[in-house]
């Protein structure tokens, strides 16, 4: 199971090492996280990992993520 930091880190790595690595933005990162969430949600992931993906998307979408509460 991936934690929130691993989820965001992998998404950043995927984008920086992908075909369009010269174009990186918060919006692209969020779009990539949504696509990855949809992909893994169709598999057998735990409820906690699903919540971690949702939390990762909220962190990236929020301009100031310091006030977002962790799903625990």
N, C-alpha and C. Protein backbone atom coordinates (compact mmCIF):
# COMPACT_ATOMS: atom_id res chain seq x y z
N UNK A 1 0.84 -1.17 0.00
CA UNK A 1 0.00 0.00 0.00
C UNK A 1 0.89 1.24 0.00
N UNK A 2 0.54 2.20 -0.85
CA UNK A 2 1.31 3.43 -0.95
C UNK A 2 0.75 4.48 0.01
N UNK A 3 1.68 5.21 0.63
CA UNK A 3 1.23 6.33 1.45
C UNK A 3 1.12 7.58 0.57
N UNK A 4 0.65 8.66 1.12
CA UNK A 4 0.38 9.89 0.36
C UNK A 4 1.65 10.41 -0.31
N UNK A 5 2.76 10.40 0.41
CA UNK A 5 4.01 10.92 -0.14
C UNK A 5 4.50 10.06 -1.30
N UNK A 6 4.36 8.76 -1.20
CA UNK A 6 4.75 7.87 -2.29
C UNK A 6 3.88 8.10 -3.52
N UNK A 7 2.60 8.31 -3.31
CA UNK A 7 1.67 8.54 -4.42
C UNK A 7 2.04 9.82 -5.17
N UNK A 8 2.25 10.90 -4.43
CA UNK A 8 2.61 12.17 -5.07
C UNK A 8 3.99 12.07 -5.70
N UNK A 9 4.94 11.48 -5.01
CA UNK A 9 6.30 11.33 -5.54
C UNK A 9 6.34 10.54 -6.83
N UNK A 10 5.59 9.45 -6.89
CA UNK A 10 5.55 8.64 -8.12
C UNK A 10 4.92 9.43 -9.25
N UNK A 11 3.87 10.19 -8.97
CA UNK A 11 3.22 11.00 -10.01
C UNK A 11 4.18 12.06 -10.54
N UNK A 12 4.92 12.72 -9.65
CA UNK A 12 5.91 13.72 -10.08
C UNK A 12 6.98 13.05 -10.94
N UNK A 13 7.49 11.91 -10.48
CA UNK A 13 8.50 11.17 -11.23
C UNK A 13 7.98 10.77 -12.61
N UNK A 14 6.76 10.27 -12.67
CA UNK A 14 6.17 9.88 -13.96
C UNK A 14 6.13 11.06 -14.92
N UNK A 15 5.71 12.22 -14.41
CA UNK A 15 5.61 13.40 -15.27
C UNK A 15 6.97 13.92 -15.69
N UNK A 16 7.93 13.95 -14.78
CA UNK A 16 9.25 14.48 -15.10
C UNK A 16 10.03 13.56 -16.04
N UNK A 17 9.72 12.28 -16.03
CA UNK A 17 10.42 11.32 -16.88
C UNK A 17 9.60 10.88 -18.08
N UNK A 18 8.45 11.51 -18.28
CA UNK A 18 7.57 11.15 -19.39
C UNK A 18 7.91 11.89 -20.66
N UNK A 19 7.07 11.68 -21.66
CA UNK A 19 7.28 12.29 -22.98
C UNK A 19 7.20 13.81 -22.93
N UNK A 20 6.34 14.36 -22.11
CA UNK A 20 6.14 15.80 -22.05
C UNK A 20 6.77 16.41 -20.80
N UNK A 21 7.98 15.97 -20.48
CA UNK A 21 8.60 16.39 -19.23
C UNK A 21 8.90 17.89 -19.17
N UNK A 22 8.98 18.56 -20.31
CA UNK A 22 9.25 20.00 -20.29
C UNK A 22 8.02 20.79 -19.86
N UNK A 23 6.86 20.16 -19.86
CA UNK A 23 5.62 20.83 -19.44
C UNK A 23 5.18 20.23 -18.11
N UNK A 24 5.45 20.93 -17.03
CA UNK A 24 5.07 20.44 -15.71
C UNK A 24 4.31 21.53 -14.99
N UNK A 25 3.16 21.18 -14.45
CA UNK A 25 2.38 22.14 -13.68
C UNK A 25 1.57 21.40 -12.63
N UNK A 26 1.06 22.15 -11.71
CA UNK A 26 0.19 21.58 -10.67
C UNK A 26 -1.03 20.94 -11.32
N UNK A 27 -1.56 21.58 -12.36
CA UNK A 27 -2.75 21.05 -13.03
C UNK A 27 -2.46 19.70 -13.69
N UNK A 28 -1.28 19.59 -14.34
CA UNK A 28 -0.90 18.31 -14.94
C UNK A 28 -0.71 17.24 -13.87
N UNK A 29 -0.12 17.63 -12.75
CA UNK A 29 0.08 16.68 -11.66
C UNK A 29 -1.26 16.19 -11.12
N UNK A 30 -2.19 17.10 -10.94
CA UNK A 30 -3.52 16.71 -10.46
C UNK A 30 -4.21 15.80 -11.46
N UNK A 31 -4.13 16.14 -12.75
CA UNK A 31 -4.74 15.30 -13.78
C UNK A 31 -4.14 13.90 -13.77
N UNK A 32 -2.82 13.82 -13.61
CA UNK A 32 -2.15 12.53 -13.57
C UNK A 32 -2.59 11.73 -12.34
N UNK A 33 -2.72 12.39 -11.20
CA UNK A 33 -3.18 11.71 -9.99
C UNK A 33 -4.60 11.18 -10.15
N UNK A 34 -5.46 11.96 -10.78
CA UNK A 34 -6.85 11.52 -11.01
C UNK A 34 -6.85 10.29 -11.90
N UNK A 35 -6.06 10.32 -12.98
CA UNK A 35 -5.99 9.17 -13.89
C UNK A 35 -5.44 7.94 -13.17
N UNK A 36 -4.42 8.13 -12.37
CA UNK A 36 -3.84 7.01 -11.63
C UNK A 36 -4.83 6.47 -10.60
N UNK A 37 -5.55 7.36 -9.93
CA UNK A 37 -6.58 6.93 -8.98
C UNK A 37 -7.64 6.09 -9.68
N UNK A 38 -8.09 6.55 -10.84
CA UNK A 38 -9.11 5.80 -11.58
C UNK A 38 -8.58 4.42 -11.99
N UNK A 39 -7.30 4.37 -12.37
CA UNK A 39 -6.70 3.09 -12.77
C UNK A 39 -6.64 2.14 -11.58
N UNK A 40 -6.13 2.60 -10.45
CA UNK A 40 -5.99 1.70 -9.30
C UNK A 40 -7.32 1.40 -8.63
N UNK A 41 -8.27 2.32 -8.74
CA UNK A 41 -9.59 2.09 -8.14
C UNK A 41 -10.31 0.94 -8.82
N UNK A 42 -9.96 0.67 -10.08
CA UNK A 42 -10.59 -0.44 -10.78
C UNK A 42 -9.97 -1.78 -10.39
N UNK A 43 -8.89 -1.73 -9.62
CA UNK A 43 -8.27 -2.96 -9.11
C UNK A 43 -8.71 -3.15 -7.66
N UNK A 44 -8.11 -4.09 -7.02
CA UNK A 44 -8.49 -4.41 -5.64
C UNK A 44 -7.56 -3.68 -4.67
N UNK A 45 -7.83 -2.37 -4.43
CA UNK A 45 -7.03 -1.63 -3.47
C UNK A 45 -7.79 -1.53 -2.16
N UNK A 46 -7.04 -1.31 -1.11
CA UNK A 46 -7.68 -1.17 0.20
C UNK A 46 -8.38 0.17 0.30
N UNK A 47 -9.30 0.26 1.21
CA UNK A 47 -10.01 1.52 1.45
C UNK A 47 -9.02 2.60 1.89
N UNK A 48 -8.05 2.22 2.70
CA UNK A 48 -7.06 3.18 3.18
C UNK A 48 -6.22 3.73 2.03
N UNK A 49 -5.83 2.87 1.09
CA UNK A 49 -5.05 3.35 -0.05
C UNK A 49 -5.89 4.27 -0.93
N UNK A 50 -7.16 3.95 -1.09
CA UNK A 50 -8.06 4.83 -1.84
C UNK A 50 -8.15 6.20 -1.18
N UNK A 51 -8.24 6.21 0.14
CA UNK A 51 -8.27 7.47 0.88
C UNK A 51 -6.96 8.23 0.72
N UNK A 52 -5.85 7.51 0.66
CA UNK A 52 -4.55 8.16 0.46
C UNK A 52 -4.48 8.84 -0.90
N UNK A 53 -5.03 8.20 -1.93
CA UNK A 53 -5.08 8.83 -3.26
C UNK A 53 -5.95 10.08 -3.21
N UNK A 54 -7.08 10.00 -2.56
CA UNK A 54 -7.97 11.17 -2.45
C UNK A 54 -7.28 12.30 -1.70
N UNK A 55 -6.58 11.98 -0.64
CA UNK A 55 -5.86 12.98 0.14
C UNK A 55 -4.74 13.61 -0.70
N UNK A 56 -4.02 12.78 -1.47
CA UNK A 56 -2.97 13.29 -2.35
C UNK A 56 -3.54 14.27 -3.36
N UNK A 57 -4.70 13.95 -3.92
CA UNK A 57 -5.33 14.85 -4.89
C UNK A 57 -5.74 16.16 -4.22
N UNK A 58 -6.24 16.10 -2.99
CA UNK A 58 -6.62 17.32 -2.28
C UNK A 58 -5.39 18.19 -1.99
N UNK A 59 -4.29 17.56 -1.62
CA UNK A 59 -3.06 18.31 -1.36
C UNK A 59 -2.62 19.06 -2.61
N UNK A 60 -2.59 18.37 -3.73
CA UNK A 60 -2.13 18.99 -4.97
C UNK A 60 -3.11 20.06 -5.44
N UNK A 61 -4.39 19.84 -5.27
CA UNK A 61 -5.40 20.79 -5.75
C UNK A 61 -5.48 22.03 -4.88
N UNK A 62 -5.10 21.91 -3.63
CA UNK A 62 -5.22 23.03 -2.70
C UNK A 62 -4.04 23.98 -2.83
N UNK A 63 -4.30 25.29 -3.00
CA UNK A 63 -3.19 26.23 -3.10
C UNK A 63 -2.40 26.33 -1.80
N UNK A 64 -3.07 26.16 -0.68
CA UNK A 64 -2.39 26.14 0.62
C UNK A 64 -2.83 24.86 1.31
N UNK A 65 -1.99 23.83 1.24
CA UNK A 65 -2.38 22.52 1.75
C UNK A 65 -2.07 22.31 3.22
N UNK A 66 -1.56 23.29 3.88
CA UNK A 66 -1.19 23.11 5.28
C UNK A 66 -2.39 22.94 6.20
N UNK A 67 -3.56 23.37 5.78
CA UNK A 67 -4.75 23.28 6.63
C UNK A 67 -5.59 22.04 6.34
N UNK A 68 -5.16 21.18 5.43
CA UNK A 68 -5.93 19.98 5.09
C UNK A 68 -5.63 18.92 6.14
N UNK A 69 -6.68 18.32 6.66
CA UNK A 69 -6.51 17.29 7.68
C UNK A 69 -6.28 15.94 7.03
N UNK A 70 -5.35 15.19 7.58
CA UNK A 70 -5.04 13.85 7.11
C UNK A 70 -6.19 12.91 7.42
N UNK A 71 -6.45 11.93 6.51
CA UNK A 71 -7.55 10.99 6.74
C UNK A 71 -7.14 9.90 7.73
N UNK A 72 -7.13 10.19 8.99
CA UNK A 72 -6.75 9.15 9.95
C UNK A 72 -7.76 9.06 11.03
